[in-house]
Amino acid sequence: MRSRDNSPAPEILITPLPHAGDLELPAYATDRSVGMDLAAAIGGDLVIEPGHTALVPTGFAIAIPEGYEAQVRPRSGLALENGITIPNSPGTIDPDYRGEIKVILLNLGPSAFRITRGMRIAQMVIAPAVQASLKVVDELPPTERGEGGFGHSGK
């Protein structure tokens, strides 16, 4: 498999966990999808009340190659139709993490939201990541923007 820029795509090792035996592994919905859908590996229904969060297991663990991260992002349909989002979006999964992938879901909608086993609850994007080195300086180089932020350029 090759990535969009024709370089070799990273290989992600995946281990399905016992409580996810009947669930599909993460998968791209279409040939051009960037995010893999993640399913809820829960035993029974889970209800998230408005304003509350829930930690939802996905039933698998992965090994991400060094130089990459996995980003867990909301599904747009759940966000639009039900107000379901991920409060730390995108959630970062580091390449040295080996535990079960779990998703923090937040209900910003007006009604309770029911999650059922196997429901697609989030998406996972594999992205390049670098570690930067910090260099302490007395002053930063100037730019035209300077310290302007938080709407400084108008609407």
N, C-alpha and C. Protein backbone atom coordinates (compact mmCIF):
# COMPACT_ATOMS: atom_id res chain seq x y z
N MET A 1 0.84 -1.18 0.00
CA MET A 1 0.00 0.00 0.00
C MET A 1 0.89 1.24 0.00
N ARG A 2 0.45 2.31 -0.69
CA ARG A 2 1.21 3.54 -0.77
C ARG A 2 0.37 4.69 -0.26
N SER A 3 1.05 5.72 0.26
CA SER A 3 0.33 6.89 0.73
C SER A 3 -0.01 7.79 -0.45
N ARG A 4 -0.73 8.87 -0.19
CA ARG A 4 -1.18 9.77 -1.24
C ARG A 4 -0.01 10.38 -2.03
N ASP A 5 1.13 10.61 -1.36
CA ASP A 5 2.28 11.20 -2.06
C ASP A 5 3.16 10.13 -2.70
N ASN A 6 2.65 8.90 -2.76
CA ASN A 6 3.29 7.75 -3.39
C ASN A 6 4.45 7.16 -2.56
N SER A 7 4.64 7.64 -1.33
CA SER A 7 5.63 7.01 -0.46
C SER A 7 4.97 5.80 0.20
N PRO A 8 5.76 4.87 0.70
CA PRO A 8 5.16 3.70 1.34
C PRO A 8 4.30 4.13 2.54
N ALA A 9 3.11 3.58 2.65
CA ALA A 9 2.23 3.88 3.77
C ALA A 9 2.77 3.19 5.02
N PRO A 10 2.66 3.84 6.18
CA PRO A 10 3.15 3.18 7.40
C PRO A 10 2.32 1.94 7.71
N GLU A 11 2.99 0.94 8.25
CA GLU A 11 2.29 -0.28 8.65
C GLU A 11 1.93 -0.15 10.13
N ILE A 12 0.64 -0.31 10.43
CA ILE A 12 0.15 -0.23 11.80
C ILE A 12 -0.18 -1.64 12.25
N LEU A 13 0.52 -2.10 13.28
CA LEU A 13 0.22 -3.41 13.85
C LEU A 13 -1.00 -3.27 14.75
N ILE A 14 -1.92 -4.22 14.68
CA ILE A 14 -3.16 -4.13 15.45
C ILE A 14 -3.44 -5.47 16.14
N THR A 15 -3.89 -5.39 17.37
CA THR A 15 -4.27 -6.56 18.14
C THR A 15 -5.73 -6.42 18.58
N PRO A 16 -6.63 -7.23 18.03
CA PRO A 16 -8.01 -7.22 18.52
C PRO A 16 -8.02 -7.77 19.96
N LEU A 17 -8.82 -7.19 20.81
CA LEU A 17 -8.92 -7.62 22.21
C LEU A 17 -10.12 -8.55 22.38
N PRO A 18 -10.09 -9.41 23.41
CA PRO A 18 -11.14 -10.43 23.56
C PRO A 18 -12.58 -9.89 23.56
N HIS A 19 -12.81 -8.71 24.13
CA HIS A 19 -14.18 -8.20 24.21
C HIS A 19 -14.68 -7.61 22.89
N ALA A 20 -13.88 -7.70 21.83
CA ALA A 20 -14.29 -7.14 20.54
C ALA A 20 -14.38 -8.20 19.45
N GLY A 21 -14.52 -9.46 19.85
CA GLY A 21 -14.47 -10.57 18.90
C GLY A 21 -15.37 -10.46 17.70
N ASP A 22 -16.58 -9.94 17.85
CA ASP A 22 -17.53 -9.88 16.75
C ASP A 22 -17.49 -8.56 15.99
N LEU A 23 -16.65 -7.62 16.42
CA LEU A 23 -16.63 -6.29 15.80
C LEU A 23 -15.61 -6.23 14.67
N GLU A 24 -15.90 -5.35 13.71
CA GLU A 24 -14.96 -5.14 12.62
C GLU A 24 -13.78 -4.31 13.12
N LEU A 25 -12.61 -4.56 12.55
CA LEU A 25 -11.45 -3.75 12.86
C LEU A 25 -11.62 -2.37 12.24
N PRO A 26 -10.86 -1.38 12.70
CA PRO A 26 -10.94 -0.06 12.07
C PRO A 26 -10.72 -0.20 10.57
N ALA A 27 -11.46 0.60 9.81
CA ALA A 27 -11.36 0.50 8.36
C ALA A 27 -11.72 1.83 7.73
N TYR A 28 -11.16 2.06 6.54
CA TYR A 28 -11.52 3.23 5.75
C TYR A 28 -12.84 2.95 5.05
N ALA A 29 -13.78 3.89 5.12
CA ALA A 29 -15.10 3.69 4.52
C ALA A 29 -15.04 3.70 2.99
N THR A 30 -14.13 4.48 2.41
CA THR A 30 -13.99 4.54 0.96
C THR A 30 -12.51 4.52 0.60
N ASP A 31 -12.21 4.37 -0.67
CA ASP A 31 -10.82 4.34 -1.13
C ASP A 31 -10.08 5.64 -0.84
N ARG A 32 -10.78 6.74 -0.72
CA ARG A 32 -10.13 8.03 -0.50
C ARG A 32 -10.35 8.58 0.91
N SER A 33 -10.92 7.80 1.78
CA SER A 33 -11.10 8.23 3.17
C SER A 33 -9.74 8.44 3.82
N VAL A 34 -9.65 9.41 4.68
CA VAL A 34 -8.43 9.68 5.44
C VAL A 34 -8.52 9.06 6.82
N GLY A 35 -9.72 9.04 7.39
CA GLY A 35 -9.92 8.49 8.72
C GLY A 35 -10.53 7.10 8.67
N MET A 36 -10.06 6.24 9.58
CA MET A 36 -10.64 4.91 9.75
C MET A 36 -11.73 4.99 10.81
N ASP A 37 -12.87 4.41 10.53
CA ASP A 37 -13.95 4.42 11.50
C ASP A 37 -13.62 3.52 12.69
N LEU A 38 -13.95 4.01 13.90
CA LEU A 38 -13.77 3.25 15.13
C LEU A 38 -15.13 2.89 15.70
N ALA A 39 -15.27 1.65 16.13
CA ALA A 39 -16.55 1.16 16.66
C ALA A 39 -16.49 1.04 18.18
N ALA A 40 -17.65 1.14 18.80
CA ALA A 40 -17.78 1.00 20.25
C ALA A 40 -17.76 -0.47 20.63
N ALA A 41 -16.80 -0.85 21.48
CA ALA A 41 -16.68 -2.24 21.95
C ALA A 41 -17.24 -2.32 23.36
N ILE A 42 -18.53 -2.04 23.47
CA ILE A 42 -19.20 -2.04 24.78
C ILE A 42 -20.09 -3.27 24.89
N GLY A 43 -20.34 -3.69 26.14
CA GLY A 43 -21.15 -4.88 26.37
C GLY A 43 -22.62 -4.67 26.14
N GLY A 44 -23.12 -3.51 26.49
CA GLY A 44 -24.52 -3.17 26.33
C GLY A 44 -24.61 -1.71 25.95
N ASP A 45 -25.81 -1.20 25.85
CA ASP A 45 -25.98 0.20 25.49
C ASP A 45 -25.36 1.11 26.54
N LEU A 46 -24.88 2.25 26.07
CA LEU A 46 -24.30 3.27 26.93
C LEU A 46 -24.99 4.58 26.59
N VAL A 47 -25.53 5.25 27.59
CA VAL A 47 -26.24 6.51 27.37
C VAL A 47 -25.39 7.65 27.94
N ILE A 48 -25.16 8.66 27.09
CA ILE A 48 -24.44 9.86 27.52
C ILE A 48 -25.46 10.98 27.63
N GLU A 49 -25.64 11.47 28.83
CA GLU A 49 -26.58 12.56 29.07
C GLU A 49 -26.00 13.88 28.56
N PRO A 50 -26.84 14.86 28.24
CA PRO A 50 -26.34 16.16 27.80
C PRO A 50 -25.35 16.75 28.81
N GLY A 51 -24.24 17.24 28.30
CA GLY A 51 -23.22 17.84 29.15
C GLY A 51 -22.27 16.86 29.81
N HIS A 52 -22.45 15.57 29.58
CA HIS A 52 -21.61 14.55 30.20
C HIS A 52 -20.67 13.90 29.18
N THR A 53 -19.64 13.24 29.72
CA THR A 53 -18.68 12.52 28.89
C THR A 53 -18.73 11.04 29.23
N ALA A 54 -18.17 10.26 28.31
CA ALA A 54 -18.02 8.82 28.54
C ALA A 54 -16.74 8.37 27.85
N LEU A 55 -16.05 7.43 28.49
CA LEU A 55 -14.86 6.83 27.90
C LEU A 55 -15.28 5.51 27.26
N VAL A 56 -15.18 5.44 25.94
CA VAL A 56 -15.71 4.31 25.19
C VAL A 56 -14.57 3.46 24.63
N PRO A 57 -14.52 2.18 25.00
CA PRO A 57 -13.47 1.29 24.47
C PRO A 57 -13.75 0.95 23.01
N THR A 58 -12.67 0.66 22.27
CA THR A 58 -12.81 0.28 20.86
C THR A 58 -12.46 -1.19 20.61
N GLY A 59 -11.86 -1.86 21.60
CA GLY A 59 -11.59 -3.28 21.45
C GLY A 59 -10.33 -3.65 20.71
N PHE A 60 -9.40 -2.71 20.58
CA PHE A 60 -8.14 -3.05 19.94
C PHE A 60 -7.01 -2.18 20.49
N ALA A 61 -5.80 -2.67 20.28
CA ALA A 61 -4.58 -1.92 20.61
C ALA A 61 -3.74 -1.89 19.34
N ILE A 62 -2.92 -0.85 19.20
CA ILE A 62 -2.10 -0.71 17.99
C ILE A 62 -0.67 -0.35 18.34
N ALA A 63 0.22 -0.59 17.39
CA ALA A 63 1.61 -0.15 17.47
C ALA A 63 1.83 0.77 16.28
N ILE A 64 2.07 2.03 16.57
CA ILE A 64 2.28 3.05 15.55
C ILE A 64 3.78 3.21 15.34
N PRO A 65 4.25 3.25 14.11
CA PRO A 65 5.69 3.41 13.89
C PRO A 65 6.19 4.76 14.40
N GLU A 66 7.45 4.79 14.80
CA GLU A 66 8.08 6.03 15.22
C GLU A 66 7.99 7.03 14.06
N GLY A 67 7.73 8.29 14.41
CA GLY A 67 7.59 9.32 13.39
C GLY A 67 6.15 9.55 12.97
N TYR A 68 5.22 8.80 13.58
CA TYR A 68 3.79 8.94 13.28
C TYR A 68 3.01 9.05 14.59
N GLU A 69 1.78 9.49 14.48
CA GLU A 69 0.82 9.49 15.58
C GLU A 69 -0.52 9.06 15.01
N ALA A 70 -1.41 8.65 15.87
CA ALA A 70 -2.80 8.44 15.48
C ALA A 70 -3.60 9.57 16.12
N GLN A 71 -4.46 10.19 15.33
CA GLN A 71 -5.33 11.24 15.82
C GLN A 71 -6.76 10.71 15.85
N VAL A 72 -7.42 10.84 17.00
CA VAL A 72 -8.81 10.41 17.12
C VAL A 72 -9.67 11.66 17.01
N ARG A 73 -10.59 11.62 16.06
CA ARG A 73 -11.41 12.79 15.73
C ARG A 73 -12.89 12.45 15.76
N PRO A 74 -13.74 13.46 15.94
CA PRO A 74 -15.18 13.22 15.92
C PRO A 74 -15.66 12.78 14.53
N ARG A 75 -16.79 12.12 14.50
CA ARG A 75 -17.47 11.83 13.25
C ARG A 75 -18.41 12.99 12.97
N SER A 76 -18.35 13.53 11.78
CA SER A 76 -19.11 14.75 11.48
C SER A 76 -20.62 14.54 11.61
N GLY A 77 -21.12 13.39 11.21
CA GLY A 77 -22.56 13.15 11.30
C GLY A 77 -23.04 13.13 12.74
N LEU A 78 -22.28 12.49 13.64
CA LEU A 78 -22.67 12.48 15.06
C LEU A 78 -22.62 13.88 15.65
N ALA A 79 -21.63 14.66 15.22
CA ALA A 79 -21.51 16.03 15.73
C ALA A 79 -22.68 16.89 15.25
N LEU A 80 -22.99 16.83 13.97
CA LEU A 80 -24.05 17.65 13.40
C LEU A 80 -25.43 17.25 13.92
N GLU A 81 -25.71 15.97 13.89
CA GLU A 81 -27.06 15.50 14.20
C GLU A 81 -27.34 15.35 15.69
N ASN A 82 -26.29 15.10 16.50
CA ASN A 82 -26.53 14.79 17.91
C ASN A 82 -25.68 15.61 18.88
N GLY A 83 -24.76 16.41 18.38
CA GLY A 83 -23.89 17.18 19.28
C GLY A 83 -22.83 16.33 19.96
N ILE A 84 -22.49 15.19 19.38
CA ILE A 84 -21.49 14.30 19.97
C ILE A 84 -20.12 14.66 19.41
N THR A 85 -19.19 14.97 20.30
CA THR A 85 -17.86 15.37 19.88
C THR A 85 -16.81 14.74 20.79
N ILE A 86 -15.57 15.06 20.53
CA ILE A 86 -14.45 14.58 21.33
C ILE A 86 -13.81 15.81 21.97
N PRO A 87 -13.86 15.94 23.29
CA PRO A 87 -13.42 17.18 23.94
C PRO A 87 -11.94 17.49 23.76
N ASN A 88 -11.09 16.51 23.58
CA ASN A 88 -9.67 16.75 23.39
C ASN A 88 -9.27 16.56 21.93
N SER A 89 -10.19 16.88 21.03
CA SER A 89 -9.98 16.61 19.61
C SER A 89 -8.94 17.52 18.98
N PRO A 90 -8.03 16.96 18.18
CA PRO A 90 -7.88 15.53 18.04
C PRO A 90 -7.13 14.93 19.22
N GLY A 91 -7.59 13.80 19.66
CA GLY A 91 -6.87 13.06 20.69
C GLY A 91 -5.66 12.41 20.06
N THR A 92 -4.51 12.54 20.69
CA THR A 92 -3.28 11.98 20.14
C THR A 92 -2.94 10.65 20.78
N ILE A 93 -2.61 9.67 19.94
CA ILE A 93 -2.11 8.39 20.40
C ILE A 93 -0.63 8.35 20.00
N ASP A 94 0.23 8.29 20.99
CA ASP A 94 1.68 8.30 20.76
C ASP A 94 2.16 6.95 20.27
N PRO A 95 3.30 6.93 19.55
CA PRO A 95 3.79 5.66 19.02
C PRO A 95 4.27 4.67 20.08
N ASP A 96 4.48 5.11 21.31
CA ASP A 96 4.93 4.17 22.35
C ASP A 96 3.78 3.66 23.22
N TYR A 97 2.53 4.05 22.94
CA TYR A 97 1.37 3.58 23.71
C TYR A 97 0.93 2.22 23.18
N ARG A 98 0.68 1.28 24.08
CA ARG A 98 0.28 -0.07 23.68
C ARG A 98 -1.04 -0.54 24.30
N GLY A 99 -1.74 0.33 24.98
CA GLY A 99 -3.00 -0.05 25.59
C GLY A 99 -4.16 0.02 24.61
N GLU A 100 -5.33 -0.34 25.11
CA GLU A 100 -6.53 -0.27 24.29
C GLU A 100 -6.82 1.17 23.89
N ILE A 101 -7.22 1.36 22.65
CA ILE A 101 -7.63 2.68 22.17
C ILE A 101 -9.04 2.92 22.73
N LYS A 102 -9.18 4.04 23.42
CA LYS A 102 -10.48 4.43 23.97
C LYS A 102 -10.77 5.86 23.53
N VAL A 103 -12.04 6.18 23.42
CA VAL A 103 -12.46 7.48 22.90
C VAL A 103 -13.29 8.20 23.97
N ILE A 104 -12.90 9.44 24.26
CA ILE A 104 -13.70 10.28 25.16
C ILE A 104 -14.77 10.96 24.31
N LEU A 105 -16.01 10.68 24.59
CA LEU A 105 -17.11 11.32 23.88
C LEU A 105 -17.82 12.30 24.81
N LEU A 106 -18.20 13.44 24.26
CA LEU A 106 -18.90 14.49 25.00
C LEU A 106 -20.21 14.79 24.29
N ASN A 107 -21.28 14.82 25.04
CA ASN A 107 -22.59 15.12 24.49
C ASN A 107 -22.89 16.60 24.68
N LEU A 108 -22.78 17.37 23.61
CA LEU A 108 -23.13 18.80 23.63
C LEU A 108 -24.55 19.03 23.14
N GLY A 109 -25.24 17.96 22.80
CA GLY A 109 -26.60 18.08 22.29
C GLY A 109 -27.62 18.26 23.41
N PRO A 110 -28.87 18.52 23.03
CA PRO A 110 -29.93 18.76 24.01
C PRO A 110 -30.55 17.49 24.60
N SER A 111 -30.25 16.33 24.00
CA SER A 111 -30.88 15.08 24.43
C SER A 111 -29.85 14.03 24.78
N ALA A 112 -30.27 13.06 25.58
CA ALA A 112 -29.41 11.91 25.88
C ALA A 112 -29.09 11.20 24.56
N PHE A 113 -27.86 10.65 24.49
CA PHE A 113 -27.44 9.95 23.28
C PHE A 113 -27.09 8.52 23.63
N ARG A 114 -27.66 7.57 22.89
CA ARG A 114 -27.46 6.15 23.15
C ARG A 114 -26.42 5.58 22.18
N ILE A 115 -25.39 4.95 22.75
CA ILE A 115 -24.37 4.27 21.96
C ILE A 115 -24.64 2.78 22.08
N THR A 116 -24.63 2.08 20.96
CA THR A 116 -24.84 0.64 20.94
C THR A 116 -23.56 -0.05 20.50
N ARG A 117 -23.45 -1.30 20.84
CA ARG A 117 -22.26 -2.08 20.48
C ARG A 117 -22.07 -2.06 18.96
N GLY A 118 -20.85 -1.76 18.54
CA GLY A 118 -20.51 -1.74 17.13
C GLY A 118 -20.79 -0.42 16.43
N MET A 119 -21.44 0.52 17.11
CA MET A 119 -21.71 1.83 16.51
C MET A 119 -20.39 2.53 16.19
N ARG A 120 -20.33 3.15 15.03
CA ARG A 120 -19.14 3.93 14.67
C ARG A 120 -19.18 5.24 15.45
N ILE A 121 -18.18 5.44 16.32
CA ILE A 121 -18.21 6.56 17.25
C ILE A 121 -17.17 7.64 16.97
N ALA A 122 -16.17 7.33 16.20
CA ALA A 122 -15.08 8.28 15.96
C ALA A 122 -14.32 7.83 14.74
N GLN A 123 -13.32 8.60 14.37
CA GLN A 123 -12.43 8.19 13.29
C GLN A 123 -10.98 8.40 13.72
N MET A 124 -10.12 7.60 13.15
CA MET A 124 -8.69 7.65 13.50
C MET A 124 -7.89 7.95 12.24
N VAL A 125 -7.05 8.98 12.33
CA VAL A 125 -6.20 9.40 11.23
C VAL A 125 -4.75 9.14 11.63
N ILE A 126 -3.99 8.51 10.75
CA ILE A 126 -2.56 8.31 10.98
C ILE A 126 -1.84 9.47 10.30
N ALA A 127 -0.98 10.16 11.07
CA ALA A 127 -0.33 11.35 10.54
C ALA A 127 1.15 11.39 10.94
N PRO A 128 1.99 11.97 10.07
CA PRO A 128 3.39 12.16 10.45
C PRO A 128 3.49 13.09 11.65
N ALA A 129 4.47 12.85 12.49
CA ALA A 129 4.67 13.69 13.67
C ALA A 129 6.17 13.81 13.93
N VAL A 130 6.60 14.97 14.36
CA VAL A 130 8.01 15.19 14.67
C VAL A 130 8.14 15.71 16.09
N GLN A 131 9.28 15.49 16.67
CA GLN A 131 9.63 16.09 17.95
C GLN A 131 10.57 17.23 17.65
N ALA A 132 10.22 18.42 18.11
CA ALA A 132 11.03 19.61 17.87
C ALA A 132 12.01 19.79 19.03
N SER A 133 13.06 20.53 18.75
CA SER A 133 13.96 20.94 19.83
C SER A 133 13.69 22.41 20.12
N LEU A 134 13.74 22.79 21.38
CA LEU A 134 13.49 24.16 21.77
C LEU A 134 14.82 24.88 21.99
N LYS A 135 14.89 26.09 21.51
CA LYS A 135 16.08 26.92 21.70
C LYS A 135 15.64 28.19 22.41
N VAL A 136 16.19 28.43 23.58
CA VAL A 136 15.84 29.62 24.36
C VAL A 136 16.55 30.83 23.78
N VAL A 137 15.78 31.89 23.49
CA VAL A 137 16.34 33.15 22.99
C VAL A 137 15.76 34.30 23.79
N ASP A 138 16.43 35.43 23.79
CA ASP A 138 15.94 36.61 24.52
C ASP A 138 14.80 37.30 23.79
N GLU A 139 14.78 37.18 22.46
CA GLU A 139 13.77 37.88 21.68
C GLU A 139 13.48 37.07 20.42
N LEU A 140 12.20 37.07 20.02
CA LEU A 140 11.81 36.36 18.80
C LEU A 140 11.96 37.28 17.60
N PRO A 141 12.23 36.71 16.42
CA PRO A 141 12.32 37.55 15.23
C PRO A 141 10.96 38.21 14.94
N PRO A 142 10.95 39.45 14.50
CA PRO A 142 9.67 40.15 14.26
C PRO A 142 8.96 39.62 13.01
N THR A 143 7.63 39.78 13.01
CA THR A 143 6.81 39.47 11.83
C THR A 143 5.82 40.60 11.66
N GLU A 144 5.17 40.64 10.50
CA GLU A 144 4.15 41.65 10.25
C GLU A 144 2.99 41.51 11.23
N ARG A 145 2.64 40.29 11.57
CA ARG A 145 1.52 40.03 12.48
C ARG A 145 1.88 40.37 13.92
N GLY A 146 3.10 40.08 14.32
CA GLY A 146 3.51 40.35 15.69
C GLY A 146 2.71 39.55 16.69
N GLU A 147 2.21 40.21 17.73
CA GLU A 147 1.47 39.53 18.80
C GLU A 147 -0.04 39.48 18.55
N GLY A 148 -0.49 39.94 17.39
CA GLY A 148 -1.92 39.95 17.10
C GLY A 148 -2.48 38.53 17.01
N GLY A 149 -3.59 38.31 17.66
CA GLY A 149 -4.22 37.00 17.64
C GLY A 149 -5.67 37.11 18.05
N PHE A 150 -6.36 35.99 18.12
CA PHE A 150 -7.75 35.92 18.56
C PHE A 150 -8.63 36.95 17.86
N GLY A 151 -8.65 36.88 16.53
CA GLY A 151 -9.53 37.74 15.75
C GLY A 151 -8.91 39.06 15.35
N HIS A 152 -7.61 39.20 15.46
CA HIS A 152 -6.96 40.48 15.16
C HIS A 152 -7.13 40.92 13.71
N SER A 153 -7.41 39.98 12.82
CA SER A 153 -7.51 40.35 11.40
C SER A 153 -8.93 40.71 10.99
N GLY A 154 -9.86 40.75 11.93
CA GLY A 154 -11.24 41.11 11.61
C GLY A 154 -12.04 39.91 11.16
N LYS A 155 -13.25 40.17 10.65
CA LYS A 155 -14.15 39.10 10.22
C LYS A 155 -14.18 38.99 8.73
